[in-house]
Amino acid sequence: MTLDLKTAGVHHVALRSTDLARSRRFYAELMGFPVVLEAPNLFLFTAGRTVFGVRGPEKETVRDDCFSPFRVGLDHVALACGEEAELHRVAAGLAKAGVPNTGVKMDEALHVPYVAFKDPDGIAWELYFAPSPELEAVETYVRALGARDLSAIPLAADVIFESPLTQGALKGREAVLRFLEDVLPAVRGTNITRSFVNGEEVVCRFDLDTAAGVIPVLDYFRVCEGRIREIRPYFDPRPLVGAAS
């Protein structure tokens, strides 16, 4: 008999700790994972869209026990990372905090970079390079603005664009490209500082270098099947408006 289990994926992962306060300091204060719930002998944090629960010791917990990936059960937990530069940043931060880690290594089977480290109980984690097609589409857009070459931007035919410089929303690829072409003469470059991905939604923070100075921009995108369907930039338009007047 086949159960043919229907599931959307992992709901949560539960870990056991020998020292709950120490584990909370590691995951919340060092790693920076947001704690979403605290209860007696338990706290929950999120990594991306996955919830992790960490439970403190029970009377059955061996006092000096330490995780081993060679026991039957969990071998390690791997988190996806969309930027290779983030692997190097995290590896350096872990080393600075005194947390043993592998540095950025190459997975010989899949030829993909990763960094491996352990929590205070020895539980093995990896941050594993897994490019997001949504993030790649957005960063292609931002880099194209900086290069003043719109030919590579993966816009959907029915893309919607609304910014402080438009009167209402622009609809359709051609209308959006015409608007961007009018803006390009004032653009000197772009520098991405941070991106966040949640399914089809991407938020990208970047600096737009213009003839009127550097303007910080926060863009909201919706990306479907590698094509940008929605763009909503948020920035102070006064430098550009003043330069044009």
Protein backbone atom coordinates (compact mmCIF):
# COMPACT_ATOMS: atom_id res chain seq x y z
CA MET A 1 0.00 0.00 0.00
CA THR A 2 1.22 3.51 -0.88
CA LEU A 3 0.01 6.36 1.33
CA ASP A 4 0.73 9.02 -1.33
CA LEU A 5 1.18 11.60 1.42
CA LYS A 6 0.07 15.12 0.46
CA THR A 7 2.25 17.85 2.00
CA ALA A 8 3.46 21.37 1.27
CA GLY A 9 6.86 20.55 2.82
CA VAL A 10 8.52 20.97 6.20
CA HIS A 11 6.31 22.57 8.88
CA HIS A 12 8.93 22.76 11.62
CA VAL A 13 12.12 21.13 12.87
CA ALA A 14 12.61 20.40 16.58
CA LEU A 15 16.06 20.29 18.22
CA ARG A 16 17.08 19.23 21.72
CA SER A 17 19.54 21.30 23.76
CA THR A 18 21.45 20.57 26.96
CA ASP A 19 21.42 24.29 27.87
CA LEU A 20 18.42 26.26 26.58
CA ALA A 21 19.74 29.72 27.56
CA ARG A 22 23.03 29.02 25.80
CA SER A 23 21.20 27.82 22.68
CA ARG A 24 19.00 30.92 22.68
CA ARG A 25 22.06 33.16 22.78
CA PHE A 26 23.56 31.27 19.84
CA TYR A 27 20.49 31.24 17.58
CA ALA A 28 18.93 34.58 18.49
CA GLU A 29 21.84 36.83 19.45
CA LEU A 30 24.69 35.46 17.31
CA MET A 31 22.91 34.03 14.28
CA GLY A 32 20.17 36.68 14.40
CA PHE A 33 17.21 34.36 13.83
CA PRO A 34 13.99 36.01 15.04
CA VAL A 35 12.44 34.32 18.09
CA VAL A 36 8.69 34.02 17.50
CA LEU A 37 7.61 32.17 20.64
CA GLU A 38 8.96 31.41 24.10
CA ALA A 39 7.45 28.87 26.46
CA PRO A 40 8.67 26.83 29.43
CA ASN A 41 11.74 24.88 28.30
CA LEU A 42 11.15 25.85 24.66
CA PHE A 43 11.67 28.66 22.16
CA LEU A 44 10.84 28.89 18.46
CA PHE A 45 12.74 30.82 15.82
CA THR A 46 12.34 31.19 12.07
CA ALA A 47 14.93 30.74 9.34
CA GLY A 48 13.33 31.91 6.14
CA ARG A 49 9.86 30.38 6.16
CA THR A 50 10.83 27.37 8.31
CA VAL A 51 10.14 27.27 12.04
CA PHE A 52 12.71 25.66 14.33
CA GLY A 53 11.92 24.68 17.89
CA VAL A 54 14.64 24.27 20.49
CA ARG A 55 13.74 22.33 23.63
CA GLY A 56 15.77 22.34 26.81
CA PRO A 57 16.93 19.22 28.65
CA GLU A 58 14.53 16.78 30.30
CA LYS A 59 15.29 14.32 33.07
CA GLU A 60 16.03 11.72 30.37
CA THR A 61 18.61 13.99 28.69
CA VAL A 62 22.19 12.87 29.30
CA ARG A 63 23.90 15.82 30.99
CA ASP A 64 27.09 15.76 28.93
CA ASP A 65 25.50 14.51 25.71
CA CYS A 66 26.63 16.02 22.41
CA PHE A 67 25.15 15.73 18.93
CA SER A 68 26.77 13.29 16.49
CA PRO A 69 25.93 13.14 12.78
CA PHE A 70 26.94 9.46 12.80
CA ARG A 71 24.01 8.34 14.95
CA VAL A 72 20.82 7.18 13.29
CA GLY A 73 18.58 10.21 12.75
CA LEU A 74 19.55 13.73 11.88
CA ASP A 75 22.85 14.22 10.05
CA HIS A 76 22.71 18.01 9.62
CA VAL A 77 20.40 20.93 8.82
CA ALA A 78 21.09 22.90 5.63
CA LEU A 79 19.77 26.41 4.98
CA ALA A 80 19.59 27.85 1.47
CA CYS A 81 21.60 30.95 0.65
CA GLY A 82 20.99 32.93 -2.54
CA GLU A 83 24.26 34.89 -2.60
CA GLU A 84 27.75 33.41 -2.60
CA ALA A 85 29.12 36.57 -0.97
CA GLU A 86 26.82 35.88 1.99
CA LEU A 87 28.62 32.57 2.59
CA HIS A 88 31.92 34.40 3.01
CA ARG A 89 30.33 37.06 5.25
CA VAL A 90 28.79 34.45 7.55
CA ALA A 91 31.97 32.33 7.68
CA ALA A 92 34.00 35.39 8.68
CA GLY A 93 31.40 36.38 11.30
CA LEU A 94 31.36 32.91 12.81
CA ALA A 95 35.16 32.85 12.99
CA LYS A 96 35.19 36.27 14.64
CA ALA A 97 32.67 35.03 17.23
CA GLY A 98 34.82 31.96 17.93
CA VAL A 99 32.40 29.48 16.37
CA PRO A 100 34.29 26.69 14.57
CA ASN A 101 33.33 26.44 10.91
CA THR A 102 34.69 25.03 7.67
CA GLY A 103 35.00 28.34 5.87
CA VAL A 104 33.54 28.36 2.38
CA LYS A 105 34.06 24.91 0.83
CA MET A 106 32.90 23.21 -2.36
CA ASP A 107 30.47 20.30 -2.24
CA GLU A 108 32.34 17.74 -4.32
CA ALA A 109 29.15 15.92 -5.34
CA LEU A 110 27.12 18.93 -6.51
CA HIS A 111 29.95 21.42 -7.09
CA VAL A 112 28.18 24.05 -5.00
CA PRO A 113 29.82 26.19 -2.26
CA TYR A 114 28.70 26.03 1.36
CA VAL A 115 29.87 26.78 4.90
CA ALA A 116 29.33 24.26 7.72
CA PHE A 117 29.26 25.04 11.46
CA LYS A 118 27.92 23.67 14.75
CA ASP A 119 25.77 25.06 17.53
CA PRO A 120 26.90 24.79 21.21
CA ASP A 121 25.49 21.23 21.43
CA GLY A 122 27.38 20.20 18.32
CA ILE A 123 24.27 20.15 16.10
CA ALA A 124 25.56 20.42 12.54
CA TRP A 125 24.34 23.19 10.24
CA GLU A 126 25.20 24.25 6.71
CA LEU A 127 24.55 27.45 4.80
CA TYR A 128 24.30 26.16 1.26
CA PHE A 129 24.46 28.19 -1.95
CA ALA A 130 21.13 27.80 -3.77
CA PRO A 131 20.44 30.67 -6.18
CA SER A 132 16.85 31.89 -6.23
CA PRO A 133 15.39 32.52 -9.71
CA GLU A 134 13.29 35.29 -8.18
CA LEU A 135 16.38 36.98 -6.73
CA GLU A 136 18.35 36.51 -9.94
CA ALA A 137 15.60 38.24 -11.95
CA VAL A 138 15.54 41.19 -9.55
CA GLU A 139 19.31 41.59 -9.39
CA THR A 140 19.47 41.39 -13.19
CA TYR A 141 17.02 44.32 -13.26
CA VAL A 142 19.01 46.42 -10.79
CA ARG A 143 22.34 45.72 -12.51
CA ALA A 144 20.79 46.55 -15.88
CA LEU A 145 19.74 49.96 -14.55
CA GLY A 146 23.28 50.58 -13.36
CA ALA A 147 24.75 49.53 -16.70
CA ARG A 148 22.11 51.58 -18.56
CA ASP A 149 21.30 48.56 -20.70
CA LEU A 150 17.71 47.35 -20.43
CA SER A 151 18.00 44.50 -22.94
CA ALA A 152 18.54 41.78 -20.31
CA ILE A 153 15.71 42.74 -17.94
CA PRO A 154 13.27 39.79 -17.62
CA LEU A 155 10.01 41.73 -17.60
CA ALA A 156 6.70 39.93 -18.00
CA ALA A 157 4.47 41.16 -20.81
CA ASP A 158 1.85 42.32 -18.28
CA VAL A 159 4.27 43.85 -15.76
CA ILE A 160 2.94 46.60 -13.47
CA PHE A 161 5.24 49.46 -12.43
CA GLU A 162 4.42 52.27 -10.00
CA SER A 163 6.93 54.72 -8.54
CA PRO A 164 7.06 58.23 -7.08
CA LEU A 165 7.91 59.46 -10.60
CA THR A 166 4.86 57.90 -12.31
CA GLN A 167 1.32 59.20 -12.21
CA GLY A 168 -0.39 56.00 -11.25
CA ALA A 169 0.66 52.56 -12.40
CA LEU A 170 2.26 51.77 -15.75
CA LYS A 171 1.04 48.54 -17.29
CA GLY A 172 2.82 46.39 -19.84
CA ARG A 173 6.43 45.73 -20.78
CA GLU A 174 6.69 48.41 -23.48
CA ALA A 175 5.29 51.17 -21.25
CA VAL A 176 7.70 50.28 -18.44
CA LEU A 177 10.72 50.14 -20.77
CA ARG A 178 9.83 53.57 -22.23
CA PHE A 179 9.71 55.04 -18.73
CA LEU A 180 13.01 53.47 -17.71
CA GLU A 181 14.70 54.67 -20.91
CA ASP A 182 13.67 58.24 -20.01
CA VAL A 183 15.26 57.83 -16.56
CA LEU A 184 18.53 56.22 -17.73
CA PRO A 185 20.35 59.44 -18.77
CA ALA A 186 20.44 60.49 -15.09
CA VAL A 187 21.75 57.09 -13.89
CA ARG A 188 25.45 56.49 -13.25
CA GLY A 189 25.32 53.14 -11.49
CA THR A 190 23.70 50.94 -8.85
CA ASN A 191 24.95 49.13 -5.76
CA ILE A 192 22.83 46.38 -4.17
CA THR A 193 23.12 46.38 -0.38
CA ARG A 194 20.51 43.82 0.77
CA SER A 195 17.81 41.59 -0.67
CA PHE A 196 15.04 39.54 0.93
CA VAL A 197 13.07 36.75 -0.77
CA ASN A 198 9.73 35.31 0.30
CA GLY A 199 8.35 33.05 -2.42
CA GLU A 200 7.37 35.21 -5.39
CA GLU A 201 8.05 38.41 -3.45
CA VAL A 202 11.46 40.09 -3.36
CA VAL A 203 12.52 43.28 -1.59
CA CYS A 204 15.79 44.79 -2.78
CA ARG A 205 17.66 47.64 -1.11
CA PHE A 206 20.14 49.42 -3.38
CA ASP A 207 21.85 52.75 -3.90
CA LEU A 208 21.07 54.52 -7.17
CA ASP A 209 23.98 56.70 -8.24
CA THR A 210 22.60 59.60 -10.27
CA ALA A 211 23.66 62.97 -11.63
CA ALA A 212 21.84 64.44 -8.63
CA GLY A 213 23.73 62.28 -6.11
CA VAL A 214 23.27 58.85 -4.55
CA ILE A 215 19.64 57.99 -3.78
CA PRO A 216 18.78 55.05 -1.49
CA VAL A 217 16.01 52.92 -3.03
CA LEU A 218 13.84 50.14 -1.63
CA ASP A 219 12.11 48.17 -4.41
CA TYR A 220 9.31 45.66 -4.02
CA PHE A 221 9.06 43.02 -6.76
CA ARG A 222 6.80 40.11 -7.58
CA VAL A 223 8.44 37.50 -9.79
CA CYS A 224 6.67 34.54 -11.43
CA GLU A 225 8.51 31.84 -13.39
CA GLY A 226 11.60 34.01 -13.68
CA ARG A 227 9.72 37.06 -15.04
CA ILE A 228 9.11 40.28 -13.14
CA ARG A 229 5.38 40.89 -12.85
CA GLU A 230 5.34 43.85 -10.48
CA ILE A 231 7.79 46.61 -9.50
CA ARG A 232 7.11 49.22 -6.81
CA PRO A 233 10.13 51.39 -5.97
CA TYR A 234 10.18 53.57 -2.85
CA PHE A 235 12.59 56.52 -2.74
CA ASP A 236 12.79 60.28 -2.37
CA PRO A 237 12.18 61.67 -5.88
CA ARG A 238 13.09 65.29 -5.09
CA PRO A 239 16.75 65.12 -6.19
CA LEU A 240 15.76 63.77 -9.61
CA VAL A 241 12.81 66.14 -9.99
CA GLY A 242 14.99 69.10 -9.00
CA ALA A 243 17.73 68.10 -11.46
CA ALA A 244 15.20 67.85 -14.28
CA SER A 245 13.58 71.24 -13.62
